[in-house]
Amino acid sequence: LSLLSKEGIQSLFPAERDPVRLDNARAALESGRVLLADERYEEAKAAFTTVVEIVPREYKLCQAALLGREKANKALGIFEDERADAFSVWWWGRGLRWPGW
C-alpha cells in the first residue's frame, strides 16, 4: 500500500464503525481469553488474530488481542512472533499508526 495512493490517504482518516464487526471482534476476544485460560494456545492465538483481522483500526480491541496473542505465542515458544506483537503494541500505544492499518 502506497501512502500516496487513494487507499493510503483514506487509511489516515477515521473509518466508519460497523457494529456487527465490533460485536464479532468482541466475541472473538472473549473466546481467545477463555481459550488462553484453558491453555488451548493455538486456538487462542487464532481467536486473537481474528480480532485484529476483523477490526484492525480499533485500538482497544486490537491492543487486548495483540497482548493475548503475545501470551499465547510465549506459551507456544514462538518468541519471534511474541516480540513482534509486543513491539507493535508498544509503538501503537505511543500514537504511531502506519498508513494502511
PDB file of N, CA and C in Angstrom:
ATOM      1  N   LEU A   1       0.848  -1.180   0.000  1.00  0.00           N
ATOM      2  CA  LEU A   1       0.000   0.000   0.000  1.00  0.00           C
ATOM      3  C   LEU A   1       0.886   1.232   0.000  1.00  0.00           C
ATOM      4  N   SER A   2       0.688   2.083  -0.964  1.00  0.00           N
ATOM      5  CA  SER A   2       1.449   3.320  -1.061  1.00  0.00           C
ATOM      6  C   SER A   2       0.711   4.430  -0.321  1.00  0.00           C
ATOM      7  N   LEU A   3       1.446   5.208   0.434  1.00  0.00           N
ATOM      8  CA  LEU A   3       0.850   6.326   1.165  1.00  0.00           C
ATOM      9  C   LEU A   3       0.204   7.323   0.209  1.00  0.00           C
ATOM     10  N   LEU A   4       0.742   7.435  -0.986  1.00  0.00           N
ATOM     11  CA  LEU A   4       0.232   8.397  -1.946  1.00  0.00           C
ATOM     12  C   LEU A   4      -0.955   7.867  -2.751  1.00  0.00           C
ATOM     13  N   SER A   5      -1.289   6.602  -2.565  1.00  0.00           N
ATOM     14  CA  SER A   5      -2.448   6.053  -3.261  1.00  0.00           C
ATOM     15  C   SER A   5      -3.726   6.534  -2.574  1.00  0.00           C
ATOM     16  N   LYS A   6      -4.843   6.382  -3.276  1.00  0.00           N
ATOM     17  CA  LYS A   6      -6.132   6.770  -2.709  1.00  0.00           C
ATOM     18  C   LYS A   6      -6.400   6.005  -1.413  1.00  0.00           C
ATOM     19  N   GLU A   7      -6.129   4.688  -1.421  1.00  0.00           N
ATOM     20  CA  GLU A   7      -6.351   3.854  -0.236  1.00  0.00           C
ATOM     21  C   GLU A   7      -5.432   4.274   0.908  1.00  0.00           C
ATOM     22  N   GLY A   8      -4.192   4.616   0.583  1.00  0.00           N
ATOM     23  CA  GLY A   8      -3.240   5.047   1.605  1.00  0.00           C
ATOM     24  C   GLY A   8      -3.665   6.325   2.284  1.00  0.00           C
ATOM     25  N   ILE A   9      -4.117   7.277   1.499  1.00  0.00           N
ATOM     26  CA  ILE A   9      -4.581   8.549   2.066  1.00  0.00           C
ATOM     27  C   ILE A   9      -5.844   8.331   2.894  1.00  0.00           C
ATOM     28  N   GLN A  10      -6.785   7.521   2.383  1.00  0.00           N
ATOM     29  CA  GLN A  10      -8.021   7.252   3.124  1.00  0.00           C
ATOM     30  C   GLN A  10      -7.742   6.536   4.440  1.00  0.00           C
ATOM     31  N   SER A  11      -6.670   5.740   4.488  1.00  0.00           N
ATOM     32  CA  SER A  11      -6.371   4.998   5.716  1.00  0.00           C
ATOM     33  C   SER A  11      -5.957   5.910   6.857  1.00  0.00           C
ATOM     34  N   LEU A  12      -5.613   7.148   6.558  1.00  0.00           N
ATOM     35  CA  LEU A  12      -5.207   8.090   7.593  1.00  0.00           C
ATOM     36  C   LEU A  12      -6.398   8.780   8.261  1.00  0.00           C
ATOM     37  N   PHE A  13      -7.562   8.672   7.654  1.00  0.00           N
ATOM     38  CA  PHE A  13      -8.762   9.316   8.186  1.00  0.00           C
ATOM     39  C   PHE A  13      -9.590   8.316   9.002  1.00  0.00           C
ATOM     40  N   PRO A  14     -10.411   8.827   9.907  1.00  0.00           N
ATOM     41  CA  PRO A  14     -11.259   7.919  10.691  1.00  0.00           C
ATOM     42  C   PRO A  14     -12.155   7.079   9.774  1.00  0.00           C
ATOM     43  N   ALA A  15     -12.329   5.842  10.152  1.00  0.00           N
ATOM     44  CA  ALA A  15     -13.180   4.929   9.382  1.00  0.00           C
ATOM     45  C   ALA A  15     -14.512   4.770  10.106  1.00  0.00           C
ATOM     46  N   GLU A  16     -15.547   4.484   9.336  1.00  0.00           N
ATOM     47  CA  GLU A  16     -16.842   4.221   9.958  1.00  0.00           C
ATOM     48  C   GLU A  16     -16.772   2.912  10.724  1.00  0.00           C
ATOM     49  N   ARG A  17     -17.501   2.851  11.817  1.00  0.00           N
ATOM     50  CA  ARG A  17     -17.502   1.652  12.666  1.00  0.00           C
ATOM     51  C   ARG A  17     -18.736   0.819  12.367  1.00  0.00           C
ATOM     52  N   ASP A  18     -18.507  -0.437  12.089  1.00  0.00           N
ATOM     53  CA  ASP A  18     -19.584  -1.378  11.796  1.00  0.00           C
ATOM     54  C   ASP A  18     -19.921  -2.118  13.090  1.00  0.00           C
ATOM     55  N   PRO A  19     -21.138  -1.934  13.636  1.00  0.00           N
ATOM     56  CA  PRO A  19     -21.487  -2.559  14.910  1.00  0.00           C
ATOM     57  C   PRO A  19     -21.437  -4.092  14.875  1.00  0.00           C
ATOM     58  N   VAL A  20     -21.747  -4.680  13.740  1.00  0.00           N
ATOM     59  CA  VAL A  20     -21.703  -6.145  13.637  1.00  0.00           C
ATOM     60  C   VAL A  20     -20.258  -6.630  13.728  1.00  0.00           C
ATOM     61  N   ARG A  21     -19.362  -5.949  13.020  1.00  0.00           N
ATOM     62  CA  ARG A  21     -17.939  -6.320  13.079  1.00  0.00           C
ATOM     63  C   ARG A  21     -17.393  -6.135  14.502  1.00  0.00           C
ATOM     64  N   LEU A  22     -17.811  -5.055  15.164  1.00  0.00           N
ATOM     65  CA  LEU A  22     -17.367  -4.824  16.538  1.00  0.00           C
ATOM     66  C   LEU A  22     -17.851  -5.938  17.465  1.00  0.00           C
ATOM     67  N   ASP A  23     -19.109  -6.335  17.312  1.00  0.00           N
ATOM     68  CA  ASP A  23     -19.643  -7.426  18.139  1.00  0.00           C
ATOM     69  C   ASP A  23     -18.901  -8.732  17.870  1.00  0.00           C
ATOM     70  N   ASN A  24     -18.613  -9.014  16.596  1.00  0.00           N
ATOM     71  CA  ASN A  24     -17.866 -10.230  16.254  1.00  0.00           C
ATOM     72  C   ASN A  24     -16.458 -10.199  16.834  1.00  0.00           C
ATOM     73  N   ALA A  25     -15.837  -9.030  16.787  1.00  0.00           N
ATOM     74  CA  ALA A  25     -14.487  -8.897  17.339  1.00  0.00           C
ATOM     75  C   ALA A  25     -14.497  -9.067  18.860  1.00  0.00           C
ATOM     76  N   ARG A  26     -15.487  -8.487  19.512  1.00  0.00           N
ATOM     77  CA  ARG A  26     -15.587  -8.641  20.972  1.00  0.00           C
ATOM     78  C   ARG A  26     -15.798 -10.105  21.355  1.00  0.00           C
ATOM     79  N   ALA A  27     -16.616 -10.810  20.580  1.00  0.00           N
ATOM     80  CA  ALA A  27     -16.854 -12.237  20.839  1.00  0.00           C
ATOM     81  C   ALA A  27     -15.579 -13.046  20.624  1.00  0.00           C
ATOM     82  N   ALA A  28     -14.820 -12.718  19.580  1.00  0.00           N
ATOM     83  CA  ALA A  28     -13.558 -13.421  19.321  1.00  0.00           C
ATOM     84  C   ALA A  28     -12.542 -13.138  20.427  1.00  0.00           C
ATOM     85  N   LEU A  29     -12.520 -11.906  20.917  1.00  0.00           N
ATOM     86  CA  LEU A  29     -11.609 -11.550  22.003  1.00  0.00           C
ATOM     87  C   LEU A  29     -11.947 -12.342  23.264  1.00  0.00           C
ATOM     88  N   GLU A  30     -13.212 -12.396  23.603  1.00  0.00           N
ATOM     89  CA  GLU A  30     -13.631 -13.153  24.786  1.00  0.00           C
ATOM     90  C   GLU A  30     -13.311 -14.633  24.612  1.00  0.00           C
ATOM     91  N   SER A  31     -13.552 -15.156  23.425  1.00  0.00           N
ATOM     92  CA  SER A  31     -13.231 -16.557  23.133  1.00  0.00           C
ATOM     93  C   SER A  31     -11.734 -16.802  23.312  1.00  0.00           C
ATOM     94  N   GLY A  32     -10.916 -15.892  22.812  1.00  0.00           N
ATOM     95  CA  GLY A  32      -9.468 -16.022  22.958  1.00  0.00           C
ATOM     96  C   GLY A  32      -9.040 -16.026  24.414  1.00  0.00           C
ATOM     97  N   ARG A  33      -9.662 -15.180  25.213  1.00  0.00           N
ATOM     98  CA  ARG A  33      -9.330 -15.134  26.645  1.00  0.00           C
ATOM     99  C   ARG A  33      -9.685 -16.447  27.339  1.00  0.00           C
ATOM    100  N   VAL A  34     -10.853 -16.996  27.006  1.00  0.00           N
ATOM    101  CA  VAL A  34     -11.270 -18.273  27.603  1.00  0.00           C
ATOM    102  C   VAL A  34     -10.326 -19.390  27.174  1.00  0.00           C
ATOM    103  N   LEU A  35     -10.001 -19.437  25.887  1.00  0.00           N
ATOM    104  CA  LEU A  35      -9.102 -20.471  25.371  1.00  0.00           C
ATOM    105  C   LEU A  35      -7.710 -20.348  25.994  1.00  0.00           C
ATOM    106  N   LEU A  36      -7.244 -19.136  26.176  1.00  0.00           N
ATOM    107  CA  LEU A  36      -5.938 -18.919  26.805  1.00  0.00           C
ATOM    108  C   LEU A  36      -5.950 -19.427  28.243  1.00  0.00           C
ATOM    109  N   ALA A  37      -7.026 -19.135  28.963  1.00  0.00           N
ATOM    110  CA  ALA A  37      -7.145 -19.603  30.347  1.00  0.00           C
ATOM    111  C   ALA A  37      -7.207 -21.131  30.417  1.00  0.00           C
ATOM    112  N   ASP A  38      -7.776 -21.744  29.376  1.00  0.00           N
ATOM    113  CA  ASP A  38      -7.861 -23.212  29.311  1.00  0.00           C
ATOM    114  C   ASP A  38      -6.594 -23.844  28.740  1.00  0.00           C
ATOM    115  N   GLU A  39      -5.585 -23.022  28.487  1.00  0.00           N
ATOM    116  CA  GLU A  39      -4.298 -23.463  27.940  1.00  0.00           C
ATOM    117  C   GLU A  39      -4.425 -24.098  26.556  1.00  0.00           C
ATOM    118  N   ARG A  40      -5.374 -23.616  25.785  1.00  0.00           N
ATOM    119  CA  ARG A  40      -5.547 -24.043  24.396  1.00  0.00           C
ATOM    120  C   ARG A  40      -4.949 -22.931  23.523  1.00  0.00           C
ATOM    121  N   TYR A  41      -3.623 -22.904  23.503  1.00  0.00           N
ATOM    122  CA  TYR A  41      -2.885 -21.764  22.985  1.00  0.00           C
ATOM    123  C   TYR A  41      -3.034 -21.543  21.477  1.00  0.00           C
ATOM    124  N   GLU A  42      -3.009 -22.603  20.682  1.00  0.00           N
ATOM    125  CA  GLU A  42      -3.161 -22.448  19.234  1.00  0.00           C
ATOM    126  C   GLU A  42      -4.522 -21.836  18.896  1.00  0.00           C
ATOM    127  N   GLU A  43      -5.557 -22.338  19.546  1.00  0.00           N
ATOM    128  CA  GLU A  43      -6.906 -21.817  19.300  1.00  0.00           C
ATOM    129  C   GLU A  43      -7.039 -20.381  19.808  1.00  0.00           C
ATOM    130  N   ALA A  44      -6.411 -20.092  20.937  1.00  0.00           N
ATOM    131  CA  ALA A  44      -6.436 -18.731  21.473  1.00  0.00           C
ATOM    132  C   ALA A  44      -5.743 -17.775  20.511  1.00  0.00           C
ATOM    133  N   LYS A  45      -4.597 -18.201  20.002  1.00  0.00           N
ATOM    134  CA  LYS A  45      -3.858 -17.371  19.049  1.00  0.00           C
ATOM    135  C   LYS A  45      -4.722 -17.074  17.826  1.00  0.00           C
ATOM    136  N   ALA A  46      -5.417 -18.073  17.322  1.00  0.00           N
ATOM    137  CA  ALA A  46      -6.297 -17.888  16.158  1.00  0.00           C
ATOM    138  C   ALA A  46      -7.430 -16.915  16.478  1.00  0.00           C
ATOM    139  N   ALA A  47      -8.013 -17.024  17.666  1.00  0.00           N
ATOM    140  CA  ALA A  47      -9.109 -16.124  18.053  1.00  0.00           C
ATOM    141  C   ALA A  47      -8.609 -14.684  18.158  1.00  0.00           C
ATOM    142  N   PHE A  48      -7.448 -14.496  18.772  1.00  0.00           N
ATOM    143  CA  PHE A  48      -6.891 -13.149  18.902  1.00  0.00           C
ATOM    144  C   PHE A  48      -6.534 -12.570  17.530  1.00  0.00           C
ATOM    145  N   THR A  49      -6.023 -13.401  16.653  1.00  0.00           N
ATOM    146  CA  THR A  49      -5.699 -12.957  15.295  1.00  0.00           C
ATOM    147  C   THR A  49      -6.963 -12.532  14.555  1.00  0.00           C
ATOM    148  N   THR A  50      -8.045 -13.235  14.789  1.00  0.00           N
ATOM    149  CA  THR A  50      -9.324 -12.889  14.164  1.00  0.00           C
ATOM    150  C   THR A  50      -9.754 -11.479  14.547  1.00  0.00           C
ATOM    151  N   VAL A  51      -9.547 -11.116  15.791  1.00  0.00           N
ATOM    152  CA  VAL A  51      -9.911  -9.762  16.245  1.00  0.00           C
ATOM    153  C   VAL A  51      -9.171  -8.718  15.416  1.00  0.00           C
ATOM    154  N   VAL A  52      -7.866  -8.908  15.277  1.00  0.00           N
ATOM    155  CA  VAL A  52      -7.042  -7.940  14.545  1.00  0.00           C
ATOM    156  C   VAL A  52      -7.450  -7.885  13.072  1.00  0.00           C
ATOM    157  N   GLU A  53      -7.852  -9.012  12.521  1.00  0.00           N
ATOM    158  CA  GLU A  53      -8.282  -9.047  11.117  1.00  0.00           C
ATOM    159  C   GLU A  53      -9.648  -8.402  10.921  1.00  0.00           C
ATOM    160  N   ILE A  54     -10.538  -8.568  11.883  1.00  0.00           N
ATOM    161  CA  ILE A  54     -11.902  -8.025  11.748  1.00  0.00           C
ATOM    162  C   ILE A  54     -11.926  -6.513  11.922  1.00  0.00           C
ATOM    163  N   VAL A  55     -11.233  -6.018  12.939  1.00  0.00           N
ATOM    164  CA  VAL A  55     -11.277  -4.575  13.244  1.00  0.00           C
ATOM    165  C   VAL A  55      -9.858  -4.027  13.449  1.00  0.00           C
ATOM    166  N   PRO A  56      -9.074  -3.946  12.386  1.00  0.00           N
ATOM    167  CA  PRO A  56      -7.669  -3.547  12.536  1.00  0.00           C
ATOM    168  C   PRO A  56      -7.449  -2.123  13.033  1.00  0.00           C
ATOM    169  N   ARG A  57      -8.480  -1.290  12.992  1.00  0.00           N
ATOM    170  CA  ARG A  57      -8.317   0.107  13.415  1.00  0.00           C
ATOM    171  C   ARG A  57      -8.879   0.373  14.803  1.00  0.00           C
ATOM    172  N   GLU A  58      -9.390  -0.634  15.459  1.00  0.00           N
ATOM    173  CA  GLU A  58      -9.962  -0.450  16.801  1.00  0.00           C
ATOM    174  C   GLU A  58      -8.854  -0.639  17.840  1.00  0.00           C
ATOM    175  N   TYR A  59      -8.376   0.468  18.363  1.00  0.00           N
ATOM    176  CA  TYR A  59      -7.208   0.464  19.248  1.00  0.00           C
ATOM    177  C   TYR A  59      -7.358  -0.465  20.442  1.00  0.00           C
ATOM    178  N   LYS A  60      -8.406  -0.293  21.236  1.00  0.00           N
ATOM    179  CA  LYS A  60      -8.536  -1.065  22.479  1.00  0.00           C
ATOM    180  C   LYS A  60      -8.703  -2.556  22.212  1.00  0.00           C
ATOM    181  N   LEU A  61      -9.538  -2.907  21.240  1.00  0.00           N
ATOM    182  CA  LEU A  61      -9.740  -4.320  20.927  1.00  0.00           C
ATOM    183  C   LEU A  61      -8.464  -4.955  20.381  1.00  0.00           C
ATOM    184  N   CYS A  62      -7.805  -4.266  19.475  1.00  0.00           N
ATOM    185  CA  CYS A  62      -6.575  -4.818  18.897  1.00  0.00           C
ATOM    186  C   CYS A  62      -5.456  -4.897  19.935  1.00  0.00           C
ATOM    187  N   GLN A  63      -5.372  -3.906  20.774  1.00  0.00           N
ATOM    188  CA  GLN A  63      -4.343  -3.917  21.811  1.00  0.00           C
ATOM    189  C   GLN A  63      -4.541  -5.133  22.722  1.00  0.00           C
ATOM    190  N   ALA A  64      -5.757  -5.362  23.151  1.00  0.00           N
ATOM    191  CA  ALA A  64      -6.048  -6.515  24.004  1.00  0.00           C
ATOM    192  C   ALA A  64      -5.779  -7.823  23.267  1.00  0.00           C
ATOM    193  N   ALA A  65      -6.156  -7.880  21.992  1.00  0.00           N
ATOM    194  CA  ALA A  65      -5.937  -9.093  21.202  1.00  0.00           C
ATOM    195  C   ALA A  65      -4.448  -9.350  20.983  1.00  0.00           C
ATOM    196  N   LEU A  66      -3.691  -8.306  20.679  1.00  0.00           N
ATOM    197  CA  LEU A  66      -2.254  -8.488  20.462  1.00  0.00           C
ATOM    198  C   LEU A  66      -1.545  -8.907  21.748  1.00  0.00           C
ATOM    199  N   LEU A  67      -1.963  -8.356  22.872  1.00  0.00           N
ATOM    200  CA  LEU A  67      -1.362  -8.767  24.142  1.00  0.00           C
ATOM    201  C   LEU A  67      -1.729 -10.215  24.469  1.00  0.00           C
ATOM    202  N   GLY A  68      -2.956 -10.616  24.166  1.00  0.00           N
ATOM    203  CA  GLY A  68      -3.362 -12.008  24.360  1.00  0.00           C
ATOM    204  C   GLY A  68      -2.599 -12.936  23.438  1.00  0.00           C
ATOM    205  N   ARG A  69      -2.441 -12.520  22.176  1.00  0.00           N
ATOM    206  CA  ARG A  69      -1.697 -13.337  21.217  1.00  0.00           C
ATOM    207  C   ARG A  69      -0.228 -13.446  21.630  1.00  0.00           C
ATOM    208  N   GLU A  70       0.286 -12.373  22.212  1.00  0.00           N
ATOM    209  CA  GLU A  70       1.664 -12.396  22.720  1.00  0.00           C
ATOM    210  C   GLU A  70       1.814 -13.478  23.799  1.00  0.00           C
ATOM    211  N   LYS A  71       0.847 -13.568  24.698  1.00  0.00           N
ATOM    212  CA  LYS A  71       0.890 -14.596  25.750  1.00  0.00           C
ATOM    213  C   LYS A  71       0.781 -15.996  25.156  1.00  0.00           C
ATOM    214  N   ALA A  72      -0.091 -16.162  24.168  1.00  0.00           N
ATOM    215  CA  ALA A  72      -0.236 -17.470  23.521  1.00  0.00           C
ATOM    216  C   ALA A  72       1.057 -17.867  22.811  1.00  0.00           C
ATOM    217  N   ASN A  73       1.658 -16.931  22.101  1.00  0.00           N
ATOM    218  CA  ASN A  73       2.922 -17.223  21.416  1.00  0.00           C
ATOM    219  C   ASN A  73       4.021 -17.575  22.407  1.00  0.00           C
ATOM    220  N   LYS A  74       4.055 -16.868  23.518  1.00  0.00           N
ATOM    221  CA  LYS A  74       5.064 -17.151  24.543  1.00  0.00           C
ATOM    222  C   LYS A  74       4.874 -18.561  25.090  1.00  0.00           C
ATOM    223  N   ALA A  75       3.619 -18.941  25.343  1.00  0.00           N
ATOM    224  CA  ALA A  75       3.335 -20.288  25.846  1.00  0.00           C
ATOM    225  C   ALA A  75       3.678 -21.353  24.816  1.00  0.00           C
ATOM    226  N   LEU A  76       3.563 -21.004  23.536  1.00  0.00           N
ATOM    227  CA  LEU A  76       3.893 -21.951  22.463  1.00  0.00           C
ATOM    228  C   LEU A  76       5.384 -21.959  22.140  1.00  0.00           C
ATOM    229  N   GLY A  77       6.129 -21.031  22.725  1.00  0.00           N
ATOM    230  CA  GLY A  77       7.561 -20.964  22.470  1.00  0.00           C
ATOM    231  C   GLY A  77       7.907 -20.260  21.168  1.00  0.00           C
ATOM    232  N   ILE A  78       6.997 -19.457  20.649  1.00  0.00           N
ATOM    233  CA  ILE A  78       7.229 -18.729  19.396  1.00  0.00           C
ATOM    234  C   ILE A  78       7.627 -17.303  19.773  1.00  0.00           C
ATOM    235  N   PHE A  79       8.882 -17.139  20.133  1.00  0.00           N
ATOM    236  CA  PHE A  79       9.318 -15.884  20.720  1.00  0.00           C
ATOM    237  C   PHE A  79       9.463 -14.755  19.698  1.00  0.00           C
ATOM    238  N   GLU A  80       9.736 -15.077  18.435  1.00  0.00           N
ATOM    239  CA  GLU A  80       9.847 -14.025  17.425  1.00  0.00           C
ATOM    240  C   GLU A  80       8.495 -13.341  17.217  1.00  0.00           C
ATOM    241  N   ASP A  81       7.425 -14.140  17.108  1.00  0.00           N
ATOM    242  CA  ASP A  81       6.080 -13.567  16.963  1.00  0.00           C
ATOM    243  C   ASP A  81       5.658 -12.822  18.220  1.00  0.00           C
ATOM    244  N   GLU A  82       6.053 -13.366  19.362  1.00  0.00           N
ATOM    245  CA  GLU A  82       5.717 -12.713  20.640  1.00  0.00           C
ATOM    246  C   GLU A  82       6.325 -11.321  20.692  1.00  0.00           C
ATOM    247  N   ARG A  83       7.586 -11.212  20.322  1.00  0.00           N
ATOM    248  CA  ARG A  83       8.254  -9.906  20.341  1.00  0.00           C
ATOM    249  C   ARG A  83       7.643  -8.950  19.316  1.00  0.00           C
ATOM    250  N   ALA A  84       7.254  -9.470  18.154  1.00  0.00           N
ATOM    251  CA  ALA A  84       6.646  -8.617  17.120  1.00  0.00           C
ATOM    252  C   ALA A  84       5.331  -8.023  17.623  1.00  0.00           C
ATOM    253  N   ASP A  85       4.522  -8.828  18.304  1.00  0.00           N
ATOM    254  CA  ASP A  85       3.261  -8.313  18.847  1.00  0.00           C
ATOM    255  C   ASP A  85       3.511  -7.282  19.933  1.00  0.00           C
ATOM    256  N   ALA A  86       4.450  -7.560  20.812  1.00  0.00           N
ATOM    257  CA  ALA A  86       4.776  -6.624  21.889  1.00  0.00           C
ATOM    258  C   ALA A  86       5.278  -5.301  21.302  1.00  0.00           C
ATOM    259  N   PHE A  87       6.116  -5.380  20.283  1.00  0.00           N
ATOM    260  CA  PHE A  87       6.665  -4.188  19.642  1.00  0.00           C
ATOM    261  C   PHE A  87       5.557  -3.386  18.970  1.00  0.00           C
ATOM    262  N   SER A  88       4.641  -4.077  18.297  1.00  0.00           N
ATOM    263  CA  SER A  88       3.513  -3.425  17.630  1.00  0.00           C
ATOM    264  C   SER A  88       2.647  -2.681  18.641  1.00  0.00           C
ATOM    265  N   VAL A  89       2.348  -3.329  19.753  1.00  0.00           N
ATOM    266  CA  VAL A  89       1.542  -2.703  20.808  1.00  0.00           C
ATOM    267  C   VAL A  89       2.279  -1.493  21.373  1.00  0.00           C
ATOM    268  N   TRP A  90       3.566  -1.616  21.568  1.00  0.00           N
ATOM    269  CA  TRP A  90       4.368  -0.527  22.137  1.00  0.00           C
ATOM    270  C   TRP A  90       4.303   0.707  21.236  1.00  0.00           C
ATOM    271  N   TRP A  91       4.529   0.530  19.918  1.00  0.00           N
ATOM    272  CA  TRP A  91       4.506   1.670  19.010  1.00  0.00           C
ATOM    273  C   TRP A  91       3.116   2.283  18.905  1.00  0.00           C
ATOM    274  N   TRP A  92       2.103   1.428  18.792  1.00  0.00           N
ATOM    275  CA  TRP A  92       0.742   1.937  18.629  1.00  0.00           C
ATOM    276  C   TRP A  92       0.323   2.711  19.875  1.00  0.00           C
ATOM    277  N   GLY A  93       0.760   2.243  21.039  1.00  0.00           N
ATOM    278  CA  GLY A  93       0.449   2.923  22.295  1.00  0.00           C
ATOM    279  C   GLY A  93       1.097   4.289  22.399  1.00  0.00           C
ATOM    280  N   ARG A  94       2.083   4.539  21.585  1.00  0.00           N
ATOM    281  CA  ARG A  94       2.747   5.835  21.578  1.00  0.00           C
ATOM    282  C   ARG A  94       2.225   6.721  20.456  1.00  0.00           C
ATOM    283  N   GLY A  95       1.112   6.318  19.849  1.00  0.00           N
ATOM    284  CA  GLY A  95       0.462   7.167  18.869  1.00  0.00           C
ATOM    285  C   GLY A  95       0.913   6.945  17.444  1.00  0.00           C
ATOM    286  N   LEU A  96       1.737   5.942  17.201  1.00  0.00           N
ATOM    287  CA  LEU A  96       2.219   5.695  15.849  1.00  0.00           C
ATOM    288  C   LEU A  96       1.361   4.619  15.202  1.00  0.00           C
ATOM    289  N   ARG A  97       0.745   4.964  14.091  1.00  0.00           N
ATOM    290  CA  ARG A  97      -0.065   4.001  13.342  1.00  0.00           C
ATOM    291  C   ARG A  97       0.358   4.121  11.882  1.00  0.00           C
ATOM    292  N   TRP A  98       0.757   3.002  11.331  1.00  0.00           N
ATOM    293  CA  TRP A  98       1.239   3.009   9.950  1.00  0.00           C
ATOM    294  C   TRP A  98       0.082   3.181   8.985  1.00  0.00           C
ATOM    295  N   PRO A  99       0.258   3.922   7.911  1.00  0.00           N
ATOM    296  CA  PRO A  99      -0.794   4.026   6.895  1.00  0.00           C
ATOM    297  C   PRO A  99      -1.171   2.643   6.364  1.00  0.00           C
ATOM    298  N   GLY A 100      -2.440   2.449   6.155  1.00  0.00           N
ATOM    299  CA  GLY A 100      -2.905   1.174   5.651  1.00  0.00           C
ATOM    300  C   GLY A 100      -3.407   0.246   6.734  1.00  0.00           C
ATOM    301  N   TRP A 101      -3.209   0.604   7.991  1.00  0.00           N
ATOM    302  CA  TRP A 101      -3.680  -0.258   9.076  1.00  0.00           C
ATOM    303  C   TRP A 101      -5.160  -0.173   9.170  1.00  0.00           C
TER     304      TRP A 101
END
